[in-house]
């Protein structure tokens, strides 16, 4: 079974809300054939459950600022307006004037350029309709759209690294068969793959008692299921004085 823990969801809104209001009691200041669009920013945080695989316990919190989320507006799959951030949208002047029609607004924590990132990727979209001389008020719920991978060290290995730093070392690389994320003494930041995969491939090189051991490989899945977008994997490296292993237990 999977362990479900609570994480903080930062989005461009806490829920999807669609509404319309007339301007100046019906005396529109919009050009003929157009209406207005407002996007709301949430005032409170929203909590979501993220499946966490291969972990004993813990809590994940993502420190994201919704004001920085890039925003795009599309019609029929074609982007008609885009803003580098929610703040930029507001600074451009609201409501945003659009021709009458049906649109989709999309918000994301950043625009992916690589297949793995040190930042978690959140994304959400909402459909809305522009009616002539009417303002549509819309919100977007952004959800976790990554496969998170975190490496933790066992207590006994941490003690050996502290007591004998010259004799103990490690390097761990995790691959989703499209991109690779690395962990070592200098960097233990979690990695976030933008796409799911058939399995996670974990390669480990460990130095113990002054001897560097050949690279070993482990393959991790979510039980019988393949790693999916929206999951977070925590893998533990346990290296004693004469053995090394990666934990694969599930709660």
C-alpha atoms as a PDB file:
ATOM      1  CA  UNK A   1       0.000   0.000   0.000  1.00  0.00           C
ATOM      2  CA  UNK A   2       1.066   3.598  -0.443  1.00  0.00           C
ATOM      3  CA  UNK A   3       1.762   6.151   2.226  1.00  0.00           C
ATOM      4  CA  UNK A   4      -0.250   9.312   1.660  1.00  0.00           C
ATOM      5  CA  UNK A   5       1.150  12.437   3.242  1.00  0.00           C
ATOM      6  CA  UNK A   6       0.080  16.032   3.177  1.00  0.00           C
ATOM      7  CA  UNK A   7       1.794  18.637   0.999  1.00  0.00           C
ATOM      8  CA  UNK A   8       1.093  22.302   0.438  1.00  0.00           C
ATOM      9  CA  UNK A   9      -0.423  23.175  -2.899  1.00  0.00           C
ATOM     10  CA  UNK A  10       0.237  26.628  -4.216  1.00  0.00           C
ATOM     11  CA  UNK A  11      -1.933  27.524  -7.169  1.00  0.00           C
ATOM     12  CA  UNK A  12      -3.344  30.487  -8.917  1.00  0.00           C
ATOM     13  CA  UNK A  13      -6.600  29.862  -7.087  1.00  0.00           C
ATOM     14  CA  UNK A  14      -8.080  27.569  -4.466  1.00  0.00           C
ATOM     15  CA  UNK A  15     -10.938  26.427  -6.686  1.00  0.00           C
ATOM     16  CA  UNK A  16     -12.396  26.841 -10.143  1.00  0.00           C
ATOM     17  CA  UNK A  17     -14.900  29.674 -10.019  1.00  0.00           C
ATOM     18  CA  UNK A  18     -16.703  30.982 -13.034  1.00  0.00           C
ATOM     19  CA  UNK A  19     -18.718  34.176 -12.865  1.00  0.00           C
ATOM     20  CA  UNK A  20     -19.805  37.145 -14.932  1.00  0.00           C
ATOM     21  CA  UNK A  21     -20.625  40.732 -14.146  1.00  0.00           C
ATOM     22  CA  UNK A  22     -21.731  43.714 -16.211  1.00  0.00           C
ATOM     23  CA  UNK A  23     -19.638  46.866 -16.377  1.00  0.00           C
ATOM     24  CA  UNK A  24     -21.182  50.065 -15.025  1.00  0.00           C
ATOM     25  CA  UNK A  25     -24.614  48.496 -14.667  1.00  0.00           C
ATOM     26  CA  UNK A  26     -24.718  47.473 -18.322  1.00  0.00           C
ATOM     27  CA  UNK A  27     -23.121  50.562 -19.886  1.00  0.00           C
ATOM     28  CA  UNK A  28     -20.138  48.774 -21.382  1.00  0.00           C
ATOM     29  CA  UNK A  29     -16.845  50.511 -22.077  1.00  0.00           C
ATOM     30  CA  UNK A  30     -15.621  47.556 -24.160  1.00  0.00           C
ATOM     31  CA  UNK A  31     -15.217  47.744 -27.920  1.00  0.00           C
ATOM     32  CA  UNK A  32     -17.952  46.040 -29.895  1.00  0.00           C
ATOM     33  CA  UNK A  33     -17.627  42.251 -29.956  1.00  0.00           C
ATOM     34  CA  UNK A  34     -15.380  42.049 -26.881  1.00  0.00           C
ATOM     35  CA  UNK A  35     -15.605  41.395 -23.159  1.00  0.00           C
ATOM     36  CA  UNK A  36     -13.305  41.273 -20.146  1.00  0.00           C
ATOM     37  CA  UNK A  37     -11.414  38.602 -18.222  1.00  0.00           C
ATOM     38  CA  UNK A  38     -10.186  38.640 -14.607  1.00  0.00           C
ATOM     39  CA  UNK A  39      -7.979  35.957 -13.034  1.00  0.00           C
ATOM     40  CA  UNK A  40      -8.014  35.675  -9.255  1.00  0.00           C
ATOM     41  CA  UNK A  41      -5.074  34.841  -6.987  1.00  0.00           C
ATOM     42  CA  UNK A  42      -5.800  32.719  -3.900  1.00  0.00           C
ATOM     43  CA  UNK A  43      -5.641  34.275  -0.465  1.00  0.00           C
ATOM     44  CA  UNK A  44      -5.075  30.974   1.362  1.00  0.00           C
ATOM     45  CA  UNK A  45      -3.012  27.829   0.878  1.00  0.00           C
ATOM     46  CA  UNK A  46      -4.610  24.627  -0.365  1.00  0.00           C
ATOM     47  CA  UNK A  47      -3.597  21.147   0.848  1.00  0.00           C
ATOM     48  CA  UNK A  48      -3.449  18.055  -1.364  1.00  0.00           C
ATOM     49  CA  UNK A  49      -2.487  14.410  -0.912  1.00  0.00           C
ATOM     50  CA  UNK A  50       0.552  13.215  -2.826  1.00  0.00           C
ATOM     51  CA  UNK A  51       1.374   9.482  -2.914  1.00  0.00           C
ATOM     52  CA  UNK A  52       4.805   8.990  -1.365  1.00  0.00           C
ATOM     53  CA  UNK A  53       6.534   5.726  -2.194  1.00  0.00           C
ATOM     54  CA  UNK A  54       9.298   3.957  -0.190  1.00  0.00           C
ATOM     55  CA  UNK A  55       9.184   6.133   2.876  1.00  0.00           C
ATOM     56  CA  UNK A  56       8.562   5.698   6.590  1.00  0.00           C
ATOM     57  CA  UNK A  57       7.094   9.083   7.372  1.00  0.00           C
ATOM     58  CA  UNK A  58       7.427  12.762   6.645  1.00  0.00           C
ATOM     59  CA  UNK A  59       5.870  15.884   5.283  1.00  0.00           C
ATOM     60  CA  UNK A  60       6.560  17.663   2.011  1.00  0.00           C
ATOM     61  CA  UNK A  61       6.045  21.392   1.670  1.00  0.00           C
ATOM     62  CA  UNK A  62       6.625  23.314  -1.543  1.00  0.00           C
ATOM     63  CA  UNK A  63       7.680  26.939  -1.157  1.00  0.00           C
ATOM     64  CA  UNK A  64       6.141  28.462  -4.279  1.00  0.00           C
ATOM     65  CA  UNK A  65       4.831  31.954  -4.941  1.00  0.00           C
ATOM     66  CA  UNK A  66       1.712  32.061  -7.121  1.00  0.00           C
ATOM     67  CA  UNK A  67       2.480  35.650  -8.154  1.00  0.00           C
ATOM     68  CA  UNK A  68       5.422  34.341 -10.224  1.00  0.00           C
ATOM     69  CA  UNK A  69       3.450  31.711 -12.171  1.00  0.00           C
ATOM     70  CA  UNK A  70       3.482  32.236 -15.975  1.00  0.00           C
ATOM     71  CA  UNK A  71      -0.015  32.653 -17.454  1.00  0.00           C
ATOM     72  CA  UNK A  72      -1.275  31.909 -20.964  1.00  0.00           C
ATOM     73  CA  UNK A  73      -4.684  32.310 -22.606  1.00  0.00           C
ATOM     74  CA  UNK A  74      -5.524  30.168 -25.616  1.00  0.00           C
ATOM     75  CA  UNK A  75      -8.421  29.792 -28.043  1.00  0.00           C
ATOM     76  CA  UNK A  76      -8.849  26.552 -29.950  1.00  0.00           C
ATOM     77  CA  UNK A  77      -5.392  25.430 -28.885  1.00  0.00           C
ATOM     78  CA  UNK A  78      -3.693  28.622 -30.087  1.00  0.00           C
ATOM     79  CA  UNK A  79      -2.148  30.969 -27.538  1.00  0.00           C
ATOM     80  CA  UNK A  80      -3.613  34.452 -27.956  1.00  0.00           C
ATOM     81  CA  UNK A  81      -2.063  36.110 -24.896  1.00  0.00           C
ATOM     82  CA  UNK A  82       0.701  35.178 -22.479  1.00  0.00           C
ATOM     83  CA  UNK A  83       2.256  36.797 -19.444  1.00  0.00           C
ATOM     84  CA  UNK A  84       5.569  35.972 -17.789  1.00  0.00           C
ATOM     85  CA  UNK A  85       3.840  35.972 -14.389  1.00  0.00           C
ATOM     86  CA  UNK A  86       0.518  36.582 -12.667  1.00  0.00           C
ATOM     87  CA  UNK A  87       1.978  39.911 -11.521  1.00  0.00           C
ATOM     88  CA  UNK A  88       2.699  40.835 -15.145  1.00  0.00           C
ATOM     89  CA  UNK A  89      -0.916  40.054 -16.039  1.00  0.00           C
ATOM     90  CA  UNK A  90      -2.174  42.403 -13.326  1.00  0.00           C
ATOM     91  CA  UNK A  91       0.328  45.101 -14.296  1.00  0.00           C
ATOM     92  CA  UNK A  92      -0.878  44.959 -17.926  1.00  0.00           C
ATOM     93  CA  UNK A  93      -4.272  46.184 -16.774  1.00  0.00           C
ATOM     94  CA  UNK A  94      -7.439  44.314 -15.871  1.00  0.00           C
ATOM     95  CA  UNK A  95      -9.842  43.156 -16.974  1.00  0.00           C
ATOM     96  CA  UNK A  96      -8.001  41.692 -19.956  1.00  0.00           C
ATOM     97  CA  UNK A  97      -9.993  42.565 -23.091  1.00  0.00           C
ATOM     98  CA  UNK A  98     -10.710  39.613 -25.413  1.00  0.00           C
ATOM     99  CA  UNK A  99     -12.999  39.033 -28.410  1.00  0.00           C
ATOM    100  CA  UNK A 100     -16.183  37.089 -27.744  1.00  0.00           C
ATOM    101  CA  UNK A 101     -15.422  33.376 -27.720  1.00  0.00           C
ATOM    102  CA  UNK A 102     -14.381  30.325 -25.669  1.00  0.00           C
ATOM    103  CA  UNK A 103     -10.928  30.262 -24.082  1.00  0.00           C
ATOM    104  CA  UNK A 104      -8.636  28.307 -21.775  1.00  0.00           C
ATOM    105  CA  UNK A 105      -6.370  29.938 -19.199  1.00  0.00           C
ATOM    106  CA  UNK A 106      -3.318  27.985 -18.043  1.00  0.00           C
ATOM    107  CA  UNK A 107      -0.995  28.667 -15.109  1.00  0.00           C
ATOM    108  CA  UNK A 108       2.176  26.813 -14.113  1.00  0.00           C
ATOM    109  CA  UNK A 109       4.966  27.146 -11.577  1.00  0.00           C
ATOM    110  CA  UNK A 110       7.430  27.624 -14.468  1.00  0.00           C
ATOM    111  CA  UNK A 111       7.759  26.841 -18.171  1.00  0.00           C
ATOM    112  CA  UNK A 112       9.655  23.531 -18.504  1.00  0.00           C
ATOM    113  CA  UNK A 113      12.734  23.584 -20.714  1.00  0.00           C
ATOM    114  CA  UNK A 114      14.339  20.366 -19.401  1.00  0.00           C
ATOM    115  CA  UNK A 115      12.954  16.949 -18.493  1.00  0.00           C
ATOM    116  CA  UNK A 116      14.100  17.196 -14.875  1.00  0.00           C
ATOM    117  CA  UNK A 117      14.299  20.176 -12.524  1.00  0.00           C
ATOM    118  CA  UNK A 118      15.274  21.123  -8.978  1.00  0.00           C
ATOM    119  CA  UNK A 119      11.890  22.867  -8.756  1.00  0.00           C
ATOM    120  CA  UNK A 120       8.573  20.993  -8.511  1.00  0.00           C
ATOM    121  CA  UNK A 121       6.284  21.541 -11.469  1.00  0.00           C
ATOM    122  CA  UNK A 122       2.687  22.567 -10.785  1.00  0.00           C
ATOM    123  CA  UNK A 123       0.127  23.185 -13.513  1.00  0.00           C
ATOM    124  CA  UNK A 124      -3.561  23.909 -13.918  1.00  0.00           C
ATOM    125  CA  UNK A 125      -6.041  25.229 -16.457  1.00  0.00           C
ATOM    126  CA  UNK A 126      -9.639  26.390 -16.657  1.00  0.00           C
ATOM    127  CA  UNK A 127     -12.068  27.000 -19.516  1.00  0.00           C
ATOM    128  CA  UNK A 128     -14.031  30.239 -19.657  1.00  0.00           C
ATOM    129  CA  UNK A 129     -16.225  32.131 -22.089  1.00  0.00           C
ATOM    130  CA  UNK A 130     -16.139  35.782 -23.062  1.00  0.00           C
ATOM    131  CA  UNK A 131     -19.530  37.365 -23.666  1.00  0.00           C
ATOM    132  CA  UNK A 132     -19.960  40.792 -25.179  1.00  0.00           C
ATOM    133  CA  UNK A 133     -19.663  43.658 -22.675  1.00  0.00           C
ATOM    134  CA  UNK A 134     -19.337  41.228 -19.734  1.00  0.00           C
ATOM    135  CA  UNK A 135     -16.421  40.494 -17.376  1.00  0.00           C
ATOM    136  CA  UNK A 136     -15.700  36.814 -16.708  1.00  0.00           C
ATOM    137  CA  UNK A 137     -14.067  36.096 -13.331  1.00  0.00           C
ATOM    138  CA  UNK A 138     -12.019  32.896 -13.441  1.00  0.00           C
ATOM    139  CA  UNK A 139      -9.664  30.956 -11.170  1.00  0.00           C
ATOM    140  CA  UNK A 140      -7.271  28.051 -11.755  1.00  0.00           C
ATOM    141  CA  UNK A 141      -6.289  25.192  -9.452  1.00  0.00           C
ATOM    142  CA  UNK A 142      -2.657  24.175 -10.017  1.00  0.00           C
ATOM    143  CA  UNK A 143      -1.698  20.639  -8.987  1.00  0.00           C
ATOM    144  CA  UNK A 144       1.576  18.714  -8.596  1.00  0.00           C
ATOM    145  CA  UNK A 145       2.635  17.548 -12.079  1.00  0.00           C
ATOM    146  CA  UNK A 146       6.007  15.951 -11.367  1.00  0.00           C
ATOM    147  CA  UNK A 147       7.577  12.677 -10.291  1.00  0.00           C
ATOM    148  CA  UNK A 148       9.531  13.746  -7.213  1.00  0.00           C
ATOM    149  CA  UNK A 149      12.651  11.863  -6.123  1.00  0.00           C
ATOM    150  CA  UNK A 150      14.403  12.392  -2.802  1.00  0.00           C
ATOM    151  CA  UNK A 151      17.422  10.562  -1.336  1.00  0.00           C
ATOM    152  CA  UNK A 152      17.807  10.037   2.391  1.00  0.00           C
ATOM    153  CA  UNK A 153      20.732   8.462   4.217  1.00  0.00           C
ATOM    154  CA  UNK A 154      20.328   5.932   6.997  1.00  0.00           C
ATOM    155  CA  UNK A 155      21.346   7.058  10.471  1.00  0.00           C
ATOM    156  CA  UNK A 156      24.301   4.661  10.659  1.00  0.00           C
ATOM    157  CA  UNK A 157      25.646   5.794   7.265  1.00  0.00           C
ATOM    158  CA  UNK A 158      25.345   9.443   8.294  1.00  0.00           C
ATOM    159  CA  UNK A 159      27.358   8.649  11.438  1.00  0.00           C
ATOM    160  CA  UNK A 160      30.117   6.970   9.408  1.00  0.00           C
ATOM    161  CA  UNK A 161      30.263   9.906   6.990  1.00  0.00           C
ATOM    162  CA  UNK A 162      30.629  12.272   9.952  1.00  0.00           C
ATOM    163  CA  UNK A 163      33.146  10.185  11.897  1.00  0.00           C
ATOM    164  CA  UNK A 164      35.333   9.090   8.944  1.00  0.00           C
ATOM    165  CA  UNK A 165      34.725  11.505   6.041  1.00  0.00           C
ATOM    166  CA  UNK A 166      37.877  10.408   4.200  1.00  0.00           C
ATOM    167  CA  UNK A 167      36.858   6.739   4.240  1.00  0.00           C
ATOM    168  CA  UNK A 168      33.172   7.024   3.336  1.00  0.00           C
ATOM    169  CA  UNK A 169      31.510   8.641   0.328  1.00  0.00           C
ATOM    170  CA  UNK A 170      28.687   8.076  -2.153  1.00  0.00           C
ATOM    171  CA  UNK A 171      27.131   9.140  -5.437  1.00  0.00           C
ATOM    172  CA  UNK A 172      23.586   8.205  -6.424  1.00  0.00           C
ATOM    173  CA  UNK A 173      21.976   8.865  -9.804  1.00  0.00           C
ATOM    174  CA  UNK A 174      18.280   8.379 -10.504  1.00  0.00           C
ATOM    175  CA  UNK A 175      16.952   8.078 -14.060  1.00  0.00           C
ATOM    176  CA  UNK A 176      13.460   7.897 -15.528  1.00  0.00           C
ATOM    177  CA  UNK A 177      15.067   6.663 -18.772  1.00  0.00           C
ATOM    178  CA  UNK A 178      14.756  10.167 -20.231  1.00  0.00           C
ATOM    179  CA  UNK A 179      16.692  12.309 -17.772  1.00  0.00           C
ATOM    180  CA  UNK A 180      19.005  11.822 -14.784  1.00  0.00           C
ATOM    181  CA  UNK A 181      19.222  13.430 -11.345  1.00  0.00           C
ATOM    182  CA  UNK A 182      22.294  13.067  -9.080  1.00  0.00           C
ATOM    183  CA  UNK A 183      22.888  13.108  -5.334  1.00  0.00           C
ATOM    184  CA  UNK A 184      26.194  13.344  -3.445  1.00  0.00           C
ATOM    185  CA  UNK A 185      27.709  14.969  -0.362  1.00  0.00           C
ATOM    186  CA  UNK A 186      27.540  18.416  -1.944  1.00  0.00           C
ATOM    187  CA  UNK A 187      23.981  18.242  -3.254  1.00  0.00           C
ATOM    188  CA  UNK A 188      21.004  16.410  -1.764  1.00  0.00           C
ATOM    189  CA  UNK A 189      18.269  18.525  -3.342  1.00  0.00           C
ATOM    190  CA  UNK A 190      15.244  16.523  -4.518  1.00  0.00           C
ATOM    191  CA  UNK A 191      14.749  16.211  -8.267  1.00  0.00           C
ATOM    192  CA  UNK A 192      11.487  16.502 -10.196  1.00  0.00           C
ATOM    193  CA  UNK A 193      10.965  14.627 -13.447  1.00  0.00           C
ATOM    194  CA  UNK A 194       8.421  16.204 -15.788  1.00  0.00           C
ATOM    195  CA  UNK A 195       7.258  12.855 -17.191  1.00  0.00           C
ATOM    196  CA  UNK A 196       6.395   9.435 -15.776  1.00  0.00           C
ATOM    197  CA  UNK A 197       8.272   6.279 -16.751  1.00  0.00           C
ATOM    198  CA  UNK A 198       8.216   2.477 -16.727  1.00  0.00           C
ATOM    199  CA  UNK A 199      10.606   2.387 -13.737  1.00  0.00           C
ATOM    200  CA  UNK A 200      13.156   4.455 -11.861  1.00  0.00           C
ATOM    201  CA  UNK A 201      16.740   3.321 -12.383  1.00  0.00           C
ATOM    202  CA  UNK A 202      18.971   4.024  -9.383  1.00  0.00           C
ATOM    203  CA  UNK A 203      22.755   3.659  -9.735  1.00  0.00           C
ATOM    204  CA  UNK A 204      24.955   3.801  -6.638  1.00  0.00           C
ATOM    205  CA  UNK A 205      28.703   4.113  -6.113  1.00  0.00           C
ATOM    206  CA  UNK A 206      29.797   3.925  -2.476  1.00  0.00           C
ATOM    207  CA  UNK A 207      33.147   4.265  -0.714  1.00  0.00           C
ATOM    208  CA  UNK A 208      33.358   2.248   2.517  1.00  0.00           C
ATOM    209  CA  UNK A 209      36.356   1.703   4.782  1.00  0.00           C
ATOM    210  CA  UNK A 210      38.452   3.589   2.249  1.00  0.00           C
ATOM    211  CA  UNK A 211      37.500   1.259  -0.620  1.00  0.00           C
ATOM    212  CA  UNK A 212      35.332   2.361  -3.555  1.00  0.00           C
ATOM    213  CA  UNK A 213      32.931  -0.394  -4.605  1.00  0.00           C
ATOM    214  CA  UNK A 214      31.758  -1.042  -8.175  1.00  0.00           C
ATOM    215  CA  UNK A 215      28.556   0.650  -9.299  1.00  0.00           C
ATOM    216  CA  UNK A 216      25.366  -1.198  -8.366  1.00  0.00           C
ATOM    217  CA  UNK A 217      21.933  -0.716  -9.910  1.00  0.00           C
ATOM    218  CA  UNK A 218      18.410  -0.923  -8.445  1.00  0.00           C
ATOM    219  CA  UNK A 219      15.054  -0.625 -10.209  1.00  0.00           C
ATOM    220  CA  UNK A 220      12.106   0.935  -8.371  1.00  0.00           C
ATOM    221  CA  UNK A 221       8.402   1.000  -9.177  1.00  0.00           C
ATOM    222  CA  UNK A 222       5.273   1.723  -7.169  1.00  0.00           C
ATOM    223  CA  UNK A 223       4.599  -1.905  -6.350  1.00  0.00           C
ATOM    224  CA  UNK A 224       3.438  -3.345  -9.659  1.00  0.00           C
ATOM    225  CA  UNK A 225       2.565   0.100 -11.001  1.00  0.00           C
ATOM    226  CA  UNK A 226       4.827   2.326 -13.076  1.00  0.00           C
ATOM    227  CA  UNK A 227       5.912   5.717 -11.643  1.00  0.00           C
ATOM    228  CA  UNK A 228       3.244   8.290 -12.472  1.00  0.00           C
ATOM    229  CA  UNK A 229       3.035  12.083 -12.550  1.00  0.00           C
ATOM    230  CA  UNK A 230       1.890  13.260  -9.128  1.00  0.00           C
ATOM    231  CA  UNK A 231       3.974  10.769  -7.100  1.00  0.00           C
ATOM    232  CA  UNK A 232       6.934  11.462  -4.817  1.00  0.00           C
ATOM    233  CA  UNK A 233       9.593   8.800  -4.196  1.00  0.00           C
ATOM    234  CA  UNK A 234      11.826   8.783  -1.126  1.00  0.00           C
ATOM    235  CA  UNK A 235      14.704   6.313  -1.380  1.00  0.00           C
ATOM    236  CA  UNK A 236      16.999   5.502   1.546  1.00  0.00           C
ATOM    237  CA  UNK A 237      20.675   4.643   1.118  1.00  0.00           C
ATOM    238  CA  UNK A 238      21.946   2.408   3.914  1.00  0.00           C
ATOM    239  CA  UNK A 239      25.668   1.684   3.810  1.00  0.00           C
ATOM    240  CA  UNK A 240      27.386   0.019   6.739  1.00  0.00           C
ATOM    241  CA  UNK A 241      31.025  -0.946   7.125  1.00  0.00           C
ATOM    242  CA  UNK A 242      30.764  -3.827   4.682  1.00  0.00           C
ATOM    243  CA  UNK A 243      27.390  -3.634   2.920  1.00  0.00           C
ATOM    244  CA  UNK A 244      25.240  -1.230   0.935  1.00  0.00           C
ATOM    245  CA  UNK A 245      21.534  -1.411   0.184  1.00  0.00           C
ATOM    246  CA  UNK A 246      18.633   0.729  -0.989  1.00  0.00           C
ATOM    247  CA  UNK A 247      15.415   0.404   0.965  1.00  0.00           C
ATOM    248  CA  UNK A 248      12.304  -0.501  -0.992  1.00  0.00           C
ATOM    249  CA  UNK A 249       9.719  -1.002   1.719  1.00  0.00           C
ATOM    250  CA  UNK A 250       6.271   0.586   1.410  1.00  0.00           C
ATOM    251  CA  UNK A 251       3.778   1.535   4.090  1.00  0.00           C
END
